[in-house]
Amino acid sequence: MKNKIKASITILKNSNISILDAARLIKNITDFNNSTSISNLQFCAKIIETGLRHYRTKEMSISEGLKIYISQKTHLRPESYRDIRYLSKRLIKRVPEIANRNFSELSRSTCEHYLSIAFQTPSQFNKGRAMLHALFNFAIRKEWCDKNPITLIERRKINEKEITPLSIKQTRSLLSSAQSSDCFAAVALLIMAGIRPNEVRRLSWNDIDLSENSITIRAICSKTGGVRQIEISPALKKYLMQAKRNSGKICPTNWQVKWRYIRNISGFKDCWTQDILRHTYASYHAKYYKDLSRLQLNMGHRNQYLLRSRYINMKGISKNDAYAFFKKL
């Protein structure tokens, strides 16, 4: 017995743990061993092994992990990369305490609380949630944690407001204001092809085939990453032929500034509704062609749900208006 005590003292030397404390720790561990298949010693070894693995996952803070995550996302489109940087900076700024928290110690409820502080509106909350979800998936691959608490956080419901499509008079006003500028083709595509604003910014004249009456949205240009073709209506073809150049981007230099000016002089100063042109195109298309499958392909949607629930609003659109939109606007 004396030899065992001496051996124990030697093992614990310089550890600042007494034999009595060591015994208490072992007793606390073995109190949880309800298994008859392994000995108390084997159980203690498993607890230590598990504890070491768990301890390693706590060595990466959110702020340091974000730096690594962002540095590996430079291959993304500029808009996507900018969104990640903006959302992460906003989260850290609004909730400074999250910066020094470790990935492995954050729970679902804590993350939801932080997101609610940093992002107040349902739309902002969902964007912040998506960014944090991707960050935790990255952390799992890096073995900084073993689960993603964001998966358990539900997206906030967004109550979509009814968007009234532009009238024929309003669309003509926009086209007329743009006609003498180098923005004419881009404005015509936004209105009469329902292309997303960021997709138009990436388009070039090589993507437009007037002989085939088609616009190709390449994967690198598309929001969803898929390739699609959009029909060119007779009215749109007339405007594209007026503005056509042999090559180069559709949108000119300083496009955003010029496009805002066109909207302002067309009567939309301080009252422009986001995505109204896609809503306008979808509504007139549904009224004229009565073919949602065809519209879905042009819009680049995975299914028809968004068309039915959000985009299409034919109230106030006559058959003559729909005809004019695609044939002689």
Protein backbone atom coordinates (compact mmCIF):
# COMPACT_ATOMS: atom_id res chain seq x y z
CA MET A 1 0.00 0.00 0.00
CA LYS A 2 2.84 2.40 0.91
CA ASN A 3 4.47 1.72 -2.45
CA LYS A 4 1.18 2.53 -4.24
CA ILE A 5 0.87 5.77 -2.29
CA LYS A 6 4.44 6.71 -3.18
CA ALA A 7 3.77 5.90 -6.85
CA SER A 8 0.61 8.00 -6.76
CA ILE A 9 2.49 10.94 -5.25
CA THR A 10 5.15 10.63 -7.97
CA ILE A 11 2.50 10.62 -10.74
CA LEU A 12 0.74 13.67 -9.28
CA LYS A 13 3.97 15.58 -8.65
CA ASN A 14 3.93 19.13 -10.10
CA SER A 15 0.25 18.78 -11.07
CA ASN A 16 -1.07 20.75 -8.06
CA ILE A 17 -3.56 17.92 -7.54
CA SER A 18 -3.51 16.03 -4.25
CA ILE A 19 -4.23 12.34 -3.89
CA LEU A 20 -7.50 13.25 -2.17
CA ASP A 21 -8.58 15.54 -5.06
CA ALA A 22 -7.62 12.89 -7.61
CA ALA A 23 -9.72 10.34 -5.73
CA ARG A 24 -12.69 12.71 -5.64
CA LEU A 25 -12.45 13.32 -9.40
CA ILE A 26 -12.35 9.60 -10.14
CA LYS A 27 -15.30 9.00 -7.78
CA ASN A 28 -17.33 11.72 -9.53
CA ILE A 29 -16.64 10.11 -12.91
CA THR A 30 -17.37 6.55 -11.88
CA ASP A 31 -20.68 7.61 -10.32
CA PHE A 32 -21.97 7.97 -13.90
CA ASN A 33 -20.85 4.53 -15.02
CA ASN A 34 -24.03 2.47 -15.19
CA SER A 35 -22.56 0.00 -17.65
CA THR A 36 -21.58 -3.52 -16.64
CA SER A 37 -19.68 -4.12 -19.86
CA ILE A 38 -16.67 -1.91 -19.06
CA SER A 39 -14.67 -1.39 -15.90
CA ASN A 40 -14.48 1.88 -14.00
CA LEU A 41 -10.93 2.37 -15.29
CA GLN A 42 -12.05 1.92 -18.90
CA PHE A 43 -14.93 4.31 -18.29
CA CYS A 44 -12.55 6.95 -16.89
CA ALA A 45 -10.32 6.57 -19.96
CA LYS A 46 -13.34 7.10 -22.27
CA ILE A 47 -14.38 10.24 -20.38
CA ILE A 48 -10.88 11.68 -20.70
CA GLU A 49 -10.71 10.84 -24.42
CA THR A 50 -14.13 12.41 -25.06
CA GLY A 51 -13.18 15.46 -23.02
CA LEU A 52 -10.00 15.99 -25.01
CA ARG A 53 -11.90 15.87 -28.30
CA HIS A 54 -14.49 18.32 -26.99
CA TYR A 55 -11.79 20.63 -25.65
CA ARG A 56 -10.12 20.85 -29.04
CA THR A 57 -13.34 22.00 -30.68
CA LYS A 58 -13.43 25.01 -28.35
CA GLU A 59 -10.18 26.45 -29.59
CA MET A 60 -11.70 28.58 -32.38
CA SER A 61 -13.61 31.79 -31.70
CA ILE A 62 -16.32 33.18 -33.96
CA SER A 63 -14.25 36.23 -34.91
CA GLU A 64 -11.17 34.20 -35.89
CA GLY A 65 -13.28 31.62 -37.67
CA LEU A 66 -15.02 34.35 -39.65
CA LYS A 67 -11.68 35.70 -40.87
CA ILE A 68 -10.72 32.28 -42.20
CA TYR A 69 -14.18 31.69 -43.68
CA ILE A 70 -14.24 35.04 -45.51
CA SER A 71 -10.69 34.56 -46.81
CA GLN A 72 -11.82 31.36 -48.52
CA LYS A 73 -14.83 32.96 -50.21
CA THR A 74 -13.02 35.37 -52.52
CA HIS A 75 -13.96 33.18 -55.50
CA LEU A 76 -17.62 34.11 -55.13
CA ARG A 77 -19.34 36.76 -57.21
CA PRO A 78 -18.61 40.27 -55.92
CA GLU A 79 -22.22 40.70 -54.75
CA SER A 80 -22.20 37.43 -52.78
CA TYR A 81 -18.79 38.13 -51.25
CA ARG A 82 -19.90 41.65 -50.29
CA ASP A 83 -23.07 40.27 -48.64
CA ILE A 84 -21.06 37.85 -46.47
CA ARG A 85 -18.72 40.62 -45.33
CA TYR A 86 -21.59 43.02 -44.63
CA LEU A 87 -23.73 40.52 -42.69
CA SER A 88 -20.81 39.25 -40.60
CA LYS A 89 -19.65 42.79 -39.76
CA ARG A 90 -23.16 43.77 -38.78
CA LEU A 91 -23.50 40.74 -36.51
CA ILE A 92 -20.21 41.49 -34.72
CA LYS A 93 -21.04 45.20 -34.44
CA ARG A 94 -24.55 44.69 -33.04
CA VAL A 95 -23.56 41.78 -30.78
CA PRO A 96 -19.89 42.33 -29.79
CA GLU A 97 -19.94 39.50 -27.25
CA ILE A 98 -20.29 36.89 -30.00
CA ALA A 99 -16.80 37.67 -31.32
CA ASN A 100 -14.98 35.87 -28.50
CA ARG A 101 -17.48 33.04 -28.11
CA ASN A 102 -16.36 29.65 -29.39
CA PHE A 103 -18.28 27.78 -32.07
CA SER A 104 -18.80 24.69 -29.93
CA GLU A 105 -20.39 26.55 -27.01
CA LEU A 106 -23.15 28.34 -28.92
CA SER A 107 -26.62 26.83 -28.66
CA ARG A 108 -29.68 27.27 -30.84
CA SER A 109 -31.36 29.67 -28.40
CA THR A 110 -28.20 31.79 -28.03
CA CYS A 111 -27.71 32.06 -31.80
CA GLU A 112 -31.37 32.96 -32.33
CA HIS A 113 -31.09 35.66 -29.66
CA TYR A 114 -27.99 37.12 -31.33
CA LEU A 115 -29.64 37.06 -34.76
CA SER A 116 -32.72 38.83 -33.39
CA ILE A 117 -30.56 41.63 -32.00
CA ALA A 118 -28.51 42.09 -35.16
CA PHE A 119 -31.27 41.71 -37.73
CA GLN A 120 -34.65 43.17 -36.84
CA THR A 121 -36.80 42.64 -39.94
CA PRO A 122 -37.81 39.14 -41.13
CA SER A 123 -35.93 39.63 -44.40
CA GLN A 124 -32.73 40.74 -42.63
CA PHE A 125 -33.09 37.93 -40.08
CA ASN A 126 -33.33 35.30 -42.82
CA LYS A 127 -30.25 36.68 -44.59
CA GLY A 128 -28.28 36.70 -41.34
CA ARG A 129 -29.48 33.20 -40.55
CA ALA A 130 -28.34 31.94 -43.98
CA MET A 131 -24.89 33.48 -43.51
CA LEU A 132 -24.49 31.99 -40.01
CA HIS A 133 -25.77 28.60 -41.17
CA ALA A 134 -23.09 28.47 -43.88
CA LEU A 135 -20.46 29.61 -41.37
CA PHE A 136 -21.31 26.78 -38.94
CA ASN A 137 -21.26 24.22 -41.76
CA PHE A 138 -17.76 25.48 -42.56
CA ALA A 139 -16.86 25.18 -38.85
CA ILE A 140 -18.03 21.55 -38.79
CA ARG A 141 -15.78 20.74 -41.76
CA LYS A 142 -12.90 22.40 -39.90
CA GLU A 143 -13.77 20.35 -36.75
CA TRP A 144 -14.31 23.51 -34.68
CA CYS A 145 -17.69 22.10 -33.62
CA ASP A 146 -19.71 18.96 -34.21
CA LYS A 147 -23.20 20.37 -34.90
CA ASN A 148 -24.92 23.30 -36.56
CA PRO A 149 -27.32 25.03 -34.13
CA ILE A 150 -28.68 27.26 -36.90
CA THR A 151 -30.40 24.27 -38.50
CA LEU A 152 -32.89 24.31 -35.61
CA ILE A 153 -33.73 28.01 -36.07
CA GLU A 154 -36.79 28.57 -38.25
CA ARG A 155 -36.81 31.19 -40.96
CA ARG A 156 -39.00 34.20 -40.22
CA LYS A 157 -42.18 34.52 -42.23
CA ILE A 158 -42.18 37.47 -44.62
CA ASN A 159 -45.56 39.01 -45.27
CA GLU A 160 -45.32 40.01 -48.90
CA LYS A 161 -47.08 43.22 -49.86
CA GLU A 162 -49.15 43.19 -53.01
CA ILE A 163 -47.17 44.83 -55.80
CA THR A 164 -49.15 46.51 -58.54
CA PRO A 165 -47.45 46.15 -61.94
CA LEU A 166 -46.60 49.26 -63.92
CA SER A 167 -49.19 50.54 -66.37
CA ILE A 168 -48.51 50.78 -70.09
CA LYS A 169 -48.20 54.54 -69.66
CA GLN A 170 -45.56 54.12 -66.91
CA THR A 171 -43.52 51.58 -68.89
CA ARG A 172 -43.57 53.86 -71.92
CA SER A 173 -42.40 56.75 -69.74
CA LEU A 174 -39.37 54.73 -68.53
CA LEU A 175 -38.49 53.63 -72.05
CA SER A 176 -38.88 57.15 -73.40
CA SER A 177 -36.61 58.59 -70.68
CA ALA A 178 -33.93 56.01 -71.49
CA GLN A 179 -34.21 56.04 -75.28
CA SER A 180 -31.58 58.69 -75.98
CA SER A 181 -29.07 57.26 -73.46
CA ASP A 182 -26.64 54.32 -73.43
CA CYS A 183 -28.96 52.69 -70.85
CA PHE A 184 -31.74 52.04 -73.35
CA ALA A 185 -31.05 48.34 -73.97
CA ALA A 186 -30.63 47.55 -70.27
CA VAL A 187 -33.86 49.34 -69.35
CA ALA A 188 -35.76 47.55 -72.13
CA LEU A 189 -34.47 44.16 -70.89
CA LEU A 190 -35.45 44.91 -67.30
CA ILE A 191 -38.98 45.87 -68.31
CA MET A 192 -39.77 43.54 -71.19
CA ALA A 193 -37.77 40.39 -70.36
CA GLY A 194 -38.13 40.26 -66.56
CA ILE A 195 -34.40 39.76 -66.06
CA ARG A 196 -33.07 40.33 -62.56
CA PRO A 197 -31.10 43.59 -62.09
CA ASN A 198 -27.85 41.82 -61.18
CA GLU A 199 -28.24 39.48 -64.14
CA VAL A 200 -28.62 42.43 -66.52
CA ARG A 201 -25.44 43.95 -65.10
CA ARG A 202 -23.53 40.78 -66.07
CA LEU A 203 -25.03 40.43 -69.54
CA SER A 204 -23.11 41.20 -72.71
CA TRP A 205 -24.31 41.72 -76.27
CA ASN A 206 -22.91 38.28 -77.13
CA ASP A 207 -25.66 36.78 -74.95
CA ILE A 208 -28.37 38.23 -77.20
CA ASP A 209 -29.29 36.45 -80.43
CA LEU A 210 -31.74 38.58 -82.41
CA SER A 211 -31.88 36.04 -85.24
CA GLU A 212 -33.11 33.39 -82.79
CA ASN A 213 -35.08 35.89 -80.69
CA SER A 214 -33.44 34.64 -77.50
CA ILE A 215 -31.42 35.92 -74.56
CA THR A 216 -29.10 33.43 -72.85
CA ILE A 217 -28.56 33.91 -69.15
CA ARG A 218 -25.30 32.03 -68.60
CA ALA A 219 -24.57 30.25 -65.33
CA ILE A 220 -22.03 32.90 -64.39
CA CYS A 221 -24.72 35.58 -64.87
CA SER A 222 -27.63 33.74 -63.25
CA LYS A 223 -28.69 34.26 -59.65
CA THR A 224 -29.46 30.55 -59.23
CA GLY A 225 -26.42 29.32 -61.15
CA GLY A 226 -28.43 27.62 -63.88
CA VAL A 227 -28.50 28.44 -67.59
CA ARG A 228 -31.77 29.63 -69.13
CA GLN A 229 -33.02 31.31 -72.28
CA ILE A 230 -35.60 34.10 -72.42
CA GLU A 231 -37.80 34.84 -75.43
CA ILE A 232 -37.45 38.20 -77.14
CA SER A 233 -40.87 39.67 -77.90
CA PRO A 234 -41.47 41.72 -81.08
CA ALA A 235 -41.62 44.96 -79.05
CA LEU A 236 -38.38 44.19 -77.22
CA LYS A 237 -36.65 43.15 -80.46
CA LYS A 238 -37.44 46.55 -81.97
CA TYR A 239 -35.75 48.35 -79.08
CA LEU A 240 -32.73 46.03 -78.99
CA MET A 241 -32.14 46.54 -82.70
CA GLN A 242 -32.13 50.30 -82.12
CA ALA A 243 -29.58 50.04 -79.31
CA LYS A 244 -27.48 47.10 -80.52
CA ARG A 245 -23.71 47.13 -80.33
CA ASN A 246 -21.42 44.40 -81.63
CA SER A 247 -19.88 43.53 -78.27
CA GLY A 248 -19.38 44.65 -74.70
CA LYS A 249 -21.58 44.85 -71.64
CA ILE A 250 -25.23 45.74 -71.88
CA CYS A 251 -25.04 48.12 -68.91
CA PRO A 252 -22.87 51.22 -69.37
CA THR A 253 -20.36 52.69 -66.92
CA ASN A 254 -22.04 54.27 -63.89
CA TRP A 255 -25.15 52.23 -64.65
CA GLN A 256 -26.65 52.51 -61.15
CA VAL A 257 -26.42 56.32 -61.14
CA LYS A 258 -27.84 56.62 -64.65
CA TRP A 259 -30.66 54.14 -63.98
CA ARG A 260 -31.68 56.05 -60.84
CA TYR A 261 -31.76 59.29 -62.84
CA ILE A 262 -34.00 57.68 -65.49
CA ARG A 263 -36.42 56.50 -62.81
CA ASN A 264 -36.46 59.93 -61.18
CA ILE A 265 -37.29 61.86 -64.37
CA SER A 266 -39.94 59.25 -65.21
CA GLY A 267 -41.90 60.10 -62.07
CA PHE A 268 -40.53 57.47 -59.69
CA LYS A 269 -38.35 59.62 -57.46
CA ASP A 270 -38.44 58.28 -53.87
CA CYS A 271 -41.25 55.85 -54.74
CA TRP A 272 -39.55 53.01 -56.62
CA THR A 273 -40.58 49.49 -55.58
CA GLN A 274 -37.90 46.81 -55.60
CA ASP A 275 -38.47 44.05 -58.19
CA ILE A 276 -41.48 45.88 -59.67
CA LEU A 277 -40.24 45.28 -63.22
CA ARG A 278 -40.10 41.50 -62.75
CA HIS A 279 -43.61 41.67 -61.28
CA THR A 280 -44.73 43.75 -64.27
CA TYR A 281 -43.24 41.36 -66.82
CA ALA A 282 -44.71 38.29 -65.10
CA SER A 283 -48.17 39.81 -64.80
CA TYR A 284 -48.40 40.93 -68.43
CA HIS A 285 -46.95 37.60 -69.63
CA ALA A 286 -49.52 35.60 -67.65
CA LYS A 287 -52.34 37.77 -69.00
CA TYR A 288 -51.24 37.54 -72.63
CA TYR A 289 -49.82 34.02 -73.00
CA LYS A 290 -51.72 32.20 -70.21
CA ASP A 291 -48.80 29.75 -69.94
CA LEU A 292 -47.16 29.55 -66.49
CA SER A 293 -44.70 26.83 -67.53
CA ARG A 294 -43.39 29.08 -70.27
CA LEU A 295 -43.22 32.02 -67.87
CA GLN A 296 -41.42 29.90 -65.26
CA LEU A 297 -38.65 29.07 -67.75
CA ASN A 298 -38.24 32.73 -68.70
CA MET A 299 -38.16 33.87 -65.07
CA GLY A 300 -35.69 31.17 -63.96
CA HIS A 301 -37.80 29.79 -61.10
CA ARG A 302 -37.52 26.22 -59.82
CA ASN A 303 -41.30 25.88 -59.72
CA GLN A 304 -44.48 27.92 -60.14
CA TYR A 305 -45.07 28.63 -56.46
CA LEU A 306 -43.44 32.09 -56.44
CA LEU A 307 -45.23 33.05 -59.64
CA ARG A 308 -48.62 32.23 -58.17
CA SER A 309 -48.00 33.51 -54.63
CA ARG A 310 -45.94 36.62 -55.29
CA TYR A 311 -45.26 37.77 -58.83
CA ILE A 312 -48.49 37.59 -60.81
CA ASN A 313 -51.02 40.37 -60.30
CA MET A 314 -53.24 40.82 -63.37
CA LYS A 315 -55.72 43.14 -61.72
CA GLY A 316 -56.30 46.14 -63.98
CA ILE A 317 -54.41 44.68 -66.96
CA SER A 318 -56.60 44.42 -70.06
CA LYS A 319 -56.05 42.10 -73.01
CA ASN A 320 -55.18 45.13 -75.12
CA ASP A 321 -52.56 46.23 -72.56
CA ALA A 322 -50.99 42.77 -72.54
CA TYR A 323 -50.95 42.72 -76.34
CA ALA A 324 -49.32 46.14 -76.47
CA PHE A 325 -46.67 45.16 -73.90
CA PHE A 326 -45.29 42.34 -76.05
CA LYS A 327 -46.22 43.44 -79.59
CA LYS A 328 -46.06 47.22 -79.93
CA LEU A 329 -45.03 48.90 -76.66
